[in-house]
Amino acid sequence: MSNGLKWESIFQDDVVASAILDRLLHYCYPFFIQGKSFRMKNFDKK
């Protein structure tokens, strides 16, 4: 799962970044939403 963000650049260590993300995502259920964002529906009209 990659969104283009380099977590090791934020935490300065890839082992620490992996450990933190592992703790945060351990009980999560990832899901992906397709389609246009509701928040962005008026963005193009400006």
Protein backbone atom coordinates (compact mmCIF):
# COMPACT_ATOMS: atom_id res chain seq x y z
CA MET A 1 0.00 0.00 0.00
CA SER A 2 1.73 3.12 -1.17
CA ASN A 3 0.31 6.59 -1.48
CA GLY A 4 3.57 8.24 -2.51
CA LEU A 5 4.38 9.45 1.00
CA LYS A 6 7.76 8.43 2.36
CA TRP A 7 7.13 7.79 6.06
CA GLU A 8 10.82 7.25 6.78
CA SER A 9 11.47 10.87 5.76
CA ILE A 10 9.02 12.04 8.41
CA PHE A 11 10.33 9.82 11.22
CA GLN A 12 13.98 9.89 10.03
CA ASP A 13 14.21 6.10 10.38
CA ASP A 14 12.44 3.43 8.36
CA VAL A 15 12.40 0.93 11.25
CA VAL A 16 10.70 3.43 13.57
CA ALA A 17 8.28 4.43 10.81
CA SER A 18 7.37 0.78 10.22
CA ALA A 19 6.84 0.15 13.93
CA ILE A 20 4.61 3.21 14.37
CA LEU A 21 2.53 2.41 11.31
CA ASP A 22 2.25 -1.22 12.41
CA ARG A 23 0.84 -0.12 15.77
CA LEU A 24 -1.56 2.36 14.19
CA LEU A 25 -2.85 0.05 11.49
CA HIS A 26 -2.94 -3.22 13.41
CA TYR A 27 -6.70 -3.18 14.02
CA CYS A 28 -7.70 -1.14 10.97
CA TYR A 29 -9.67 -2.37 8.01
CA PRO A 30 -8.49 -0.51 4.91
CA PHE A 31 -11.07 0.33 2.29
CA PHE A 32 -10.87 2.31 -0.91
CA ILE A 33 -13.47 4.79 -2.06
CA GLN A 34 -13.88 5.38 -5.76
CA GLY A 35 -15.56 8.30 -7.43
CA LYS A 36 -15.53 12.04 -6.90
CA SER A 37 -15.08 13.47 -3.45
CA PHE A 38 -18.14 15.13 -1.92
CA ARG A 39 -15.87 17.87 -0.54
CA MET A 40 -14.52 18.61 -4.01
CA LYS A 41 -17.87 18.85 -5.80
CA ASN A 42 -17.78 22.68 -5.90
CA PHE A 43 -14.03 23.00 -6.36
CA ASP A 44 -14.12 23.18 -10.17
CA LYS A 45 -16.81 25.88 -10.16
CA LYS A 46 -14.56 28.58 -8.69
